[in-house]
Amino acid sequence: MSNFRLDRKAYNEMLNLLNNQHFTEKPGVNSDMAFLSDDWWLRDTAVMENIVKRKGMWEIQLVFAHYQEPQKLIKRVIARYASKQKAELNAWYMKRLAAKDQRGTLKVDIKDFKLCDS
């Protein structure tokens, strides 16, 4: 394999484009990152646990999905355990603690996603 070479003209053009990008791009505003602090919808979320084996440990992931808009969701890794039984038990407790509705009546159904099979 030969080494990749860029001639001087192409290199200077690339540097020029990178320099001009500073003038064409515009800085972000606070509203661009508002979704991080806009957490009002989390009070109406269904909580689902997901247990995955990663690097020899059982990882508990909690998925928070809005029950009316299931595409709006957040997944968080909560903890890791060496035994699957311990992970399943702790996941159940964590799901109950994280759920705003302790009765578990907020549910997300696969039909809510309006998926097309074709």
C-alpha atoms as a PDB file:
ATOM      1  CA  MET A   1       0.000   0.000   0.000  1.00  0.00           C
ATOM      2  CA  SER A   2       1.263   3.454  -0.856  1.00  0.00           C
ATOM      3  CA  ASN A   3       1.024   6.396   1.489  1.00  0.00           C
ATOM      4  CA  PHE A   4      -1.683   8.932   0.823  1.00  0.00           C
ATOM      5  CA  ARG A   5      -0.323  12.238  -0.499  1.00  0.00           C
ATOM      6  CA  LEU A   6      -2.114  15.529  -0.957  1.00  0.00           C
ATOM      7  CA  ASP A   7      -0.543  18.027  -3.336  1.00  0.00           C
ATOM      8  CA  ARG A   8       0.174  21.569  -2.144  1.00  0.00           C
ATOM      9  CA  LYS A   9      -2.705  23.152  -4.117  1.00  0.00           C
ATOM     10  CA  ALA A  10      -5.330  20.766  -2.677  1.00  0.00           C
ATOM     11  CA  TYR A  11      -3.887  21.170   0.827  1.00  0.00           C
ATOM     12  CA  ASN A  12      -4.041  24.980   0.607  1.00  0.00           C
ATOM     13  CA  GLU A  13      -7.615  24.803  -0.715  1.00  0.00           C
ATOM     14  CA  MET A  14      -8.607  22.545   2.184  1.00  0.00           C
ATOM     15  CA  LEU A  15      -7.060  24.966   4.691  1.00  0.00           C
ATOM     16  CA  ASN A  16      -8.850  27.862   2.997  1.00  0.00           C
ATOM     17  CA  LEU A  17     -12.208  26.067   3.221  1.00  0.00           C
ATOM     18  CA  LEU A  18     -11.645  25.269   6.903  1.00  0.00           C
ATOM     19  CA  ASN A  19     -10.776  28.903   7.570  1.00  0.00           C
ATOM     20  CA  ASN A  20     -13.883  30.128   5.713  1.00  0.00           C
ATOM     21  CA  GLN A  21     -16.072  27.728   7.677  1.00  0.00           C
ATOM     22  CA  HIS A  22     -15.498  29.944  10.700  1.00  0.00           C
ATOM     23  CA  PHE A  23     -17.238  32.788   8.869  1.00  0.00           C
ATOM     24  CA  THR A  24     -20.086  30.767   7.344  1.00  0.00           C
ATOM     25  CA  GLU A  25     -21.100  28.860  10.469  1.00  0.00           C
ATOM     26  CA  LYS A  26     -23.163  30.630  13.069  1.00  0.00           C
ATOM     27  CA  PRO A  27     -22.878  30.088  16.803  1.00  0.00           C
ATOM     28  CA  GLY A  28     -25.571  28.155  18.598  1.00  0.00           C
ATOM     29  CA  VAL A  29     -28.134  29.713  20.878  1.00  0.00           C
ATOM     30  CA  ASN A  30     -29.483  28.481  24.199  1.00  0.00           C
ATOM     31  CA  SER A  31     -32.695  27.233  22.596  1.00  0.00           C
ATOM     32  CA  ASP A  32     -30.690  24.700  20.550  1.00  0.00           C
ATOM     33  CA  MET A  33     -29.976  22.719  23.709  1.00  0.00           C
ATOM     34  CA  ALA A  34     -33.319  23.383  25.427  1.00  0.00           C
ATOM     35  CA  PHE A  35     -34.361  19.747  24.992  1.00  0.00           C
ATOM     36  CA  LEU A  36     -31.870  18.832  27.742  1.00  0.00           C
ATOM     37  CA  SER A  37     -33.648  20.940  30.345  1.00  0.00           C
ATOM     38  CA  ASP A  38     -37.142  20.644  28.841  1.00  0.00           C
ATOM     39  CA  ASP A  39     -38.118  17.619  30.904  1.00  0.00           C
ATOM     40  CA  TRP A  40     -41.823  18.293  31.520  1.00  0.00           C
ATOM     41  CA  TRP A  41     -42.762  15.269  29.447  1.00  0.00           C
ATOM     42  CA  LEU A  42     -40.923  12.875  31.795  1.00  0.00           C
ATOM     43  CA  ARG A  43     -43.842  12.970  34.232  1.00  0.00           C
ATOM     44  CA  ASP A  44     -45.989  11.132  31.662  1.00  0.00           C
ATOM     45  CA  THR A  45     -43.563   8.366  30.759  1.00  0.00           C
ATOM     46  CA  ALA A  46     -43.839   4.645  30.827  1.00  0.00           C
ATOM     47  CA  VAL A  47     -40.730   3.023  32.286  1.00  0.00           C
ATOM     48  CA  MET A  48     -39.362  -0.187  30.794  1.00  0.00           C
ATOM     49  CA  GLU A  49     -36.350  -2.117  31.968  1.00  0.00           C
ATOM     50  CA  ASN A  50     -33.855  -3.677  29.595  1.00  0.00           C
ATOM     51  CA  ILE A  51     -31.174  -6.096  30.799  1.00  0.00           C
ATOM     52  CA  VAL A  52     -28.214  -6.637  28.491  1.00  0.00           C
ATOM     53  CA  LYS A  53     -25.018  -8.650  28.948  1.00  0.00           C
ATOM     54  CA  ARG A  54     -21.989  -6.422  28.283  1.00  0.00           C
ATOM     55  CA  LYS A  55     -18.357  -7.212  28.994  1.00  0.00           C
ATOM     56  CA  GLY A  56     -19.262 -10.093  31.295  1.00  0.00           C
ATOM     57  CA  MET A  57     -21.685  -8.028  33.401  1.00  0.00           C
ATOM     58  CA  TRP A  58     -25.466  -7.690  33.295  1.00  0.00           C
ATOM     59  CA  GLU A  59     -26.315  -4.065  32.587  1.00  0.00           C
ATOM     60  CA  ILE A  60     -29.648  -2.557  33.658  1.00  0.00           C
ATOM     61  CA  GLN A  61     -31.001   0.053  31.265  1.00  0.00           C
ATOM     62  CA  LEU A  62     -34.178   1.979  31.984  1.00  0.00           C
ATOM     63  CA  VAL A  63     -36.102   3.352  29.029  1.00  0.00           C
ATOM     64  CA  PHE A  64     -38.435   6.290  29.668  1.00  0.00           C
ATOM     65  CA  ALA A  65     -40.979   6.691  26.829  1.00  0.00           C
ATOM     66  CA  HIS A  66     -43.840   9.185  26.677  1.00  0.00           C
ATOM     67  CA  TYR A  67     -47.050   7.179  26.555  1.00  0.00           C
ATOM     68  CA  GLN A  68     -48.698   9.459  23.954  1.00  0.00           C
ATOM     69  CA  GLU A  69     -45.573  10.058  21.831  1.00  0.00           C
ATOM     70  CA  PRO A  70     -43.477   6.878  22.104  1.00  0.00           C
ATOM     71  CA  GLN A  71     -40.813   8.290  19.752  1.00  0.00           C
ATOM     72  CA  LYS A  72     -39.902  10.690  22.561  1.00  0.00           C
ATOM     73  CA  LEU A  73     -37.749   8.541  24.816  1.00  0.00           C
ATOM     74  CA  ILE A  74     -34.592   8.470  26.895  1.00  0.00           C
ATOM     75  CA  LYS A  75     -32.489   5.405  27.724  1.00  0.00           C
ATOM     76  CA  ARG A  76     -30.206   5.443  30.749  1.00  0.00           C
ATOM     77  CA  VAL A  77     -27.749   2.846  32.027  1.00  0.00           C
ATOM     78  CA  ILE A  78     -28.480   2.467  35.724  1.00  0.00           C
ATOM     79  CA  ALA A  79     -26.236  -0.273  37.113  1.00  0.00           C
ATOM     80  CA  ARG A  80     -24.257  -3.429  36.335  1.00  0.00           C
ATOM     81  CA  TYR A  81     -24.358  -6.755  38.166  1.00  0.00           C
ATOM     82  CA  ALA A  82     -22.402  -9.995  37.883  1.00  0.00           C
ATOM     83  CA  SER A  83     -25.469 -12.237  38.212  1.00  0.00           C
ATOM     84  CA  LYS A  84     -28.503 -12.130  35.926  1.00  0.00           C
ATOM     85  CA  GLN A  85     -30.950 -12.911  38.754  1.00  0.00           C
ATOM     86  CA  LYS A  86     -29.660 -10.008  40.841  1.00  0.00           C
ATOM     87  CA  ALA A  87     -29.876  -7.701  37.804  1.00  0.00           C
ATOM     88  CA  GLU A  88     -33.468  -8.754  37.087  1.00  0.00           C
ATOM     89  CA  LEU A  89     -34.542  -8.223  40.692  1.00  0.00           C
ATOM     90  CA  ASN A  90     -32.882  -4.804  40.935  1.00  0.00           C
ATOM     91  CA  ALA A  91     -34.260  -3.794  37.536  1.00  0.00           C
ATOM     92  CA  TRP A  92     -37.778  -4.543  38.732  1.00  0.00           C
ATOM     93  CA  TYR A  93     -37.269  -2.406  41.864  1.00  0.00           C
ATOM     94  CA  MET A  94     -35.650   0.412  39.892  1.00  0.00           C
ATOM     95  CA  LYS A  95     -38.477   0.384  37.378  1.00  0.00           C
ATOM     96  CA  ARG A  96     -41.023   0.706  40.191  1.00  0.00           C
ATOM     97  CA  LEU A  97     -39.049   3.535  41.814  1.00  0.00           C
ATOM     98  CA  ALA A  98     -38.604   5.448  38.559  1.00  0.00           C
ATOM     99  CA  ALA A  99     -42.201   5.145  37.399  1.00  0.00           C
ATOM    100  CA  LYS A 100     -44.271   8.213  38.143  1.00  0.00           C
ATOM    101  CA  ASP A 101     -47.384   6.045  38.133  1.00  0.00           C
ATOM    102  CA  GLN A 102     -46.586   3.240  40.597  1.00  0.00           C
ATOM    103  CA  ARG A 103     -49.577   1.199  39.423  1.00  0.00           C
ATOM    104  CA  GLY A 104     -47.896   0.750  36.044  1.00  0.00           C
ATOM    105  CA  THR A 105     -50.921   1.932  34.056  1.00  0.00           C
ATOM    106  CA  LEU A 106     -48.832   4.068  31.670  1.00  0.00           C
ATOM    107  CA  LYS A 107     -47.921   1.723  28.851  1.00  0.00           C
ATOM    108  CA  VAL A 108     -46.368   2.039  25.404  1.00  0.00           C
ATOM    109  CA  ASP A 109     -47.678  -0.315  22.732  1.00  0.00           C
ATOM    110  CA  ILE A 110     -45.838  -1.262  19.531  1.00  0.00           C
ATOM    111  CA  LYS A 111     -48.947  -0.185  17.574  1.00  0.00           C
ATOM    112  CA  ASP A 112     -48.337   3.398  18.743  1.00  0.00           C
ATOM    113  CA  PHE A 113     -45.250   3.590  16.524  1.00  0.00           C
ATOM    114  CA  LYS A 114     -47.318   3.338  13.295  1.00  0.00           C
ATOM    115  CA  LEU A 115     -44.722   1.148  11.584  1.00  0.00           C
ATOM    116  CA  CYS A 116     -45.146   0.119   7.947  1.00  0.00           C
ATOM    117  CA  ASP A 117     -44.149  -3.453   7.062  1.00  0.00           C
ATOM    118  CA  SER A 118     -43.730  -2.786   3.360  1.00  0.00           C
END
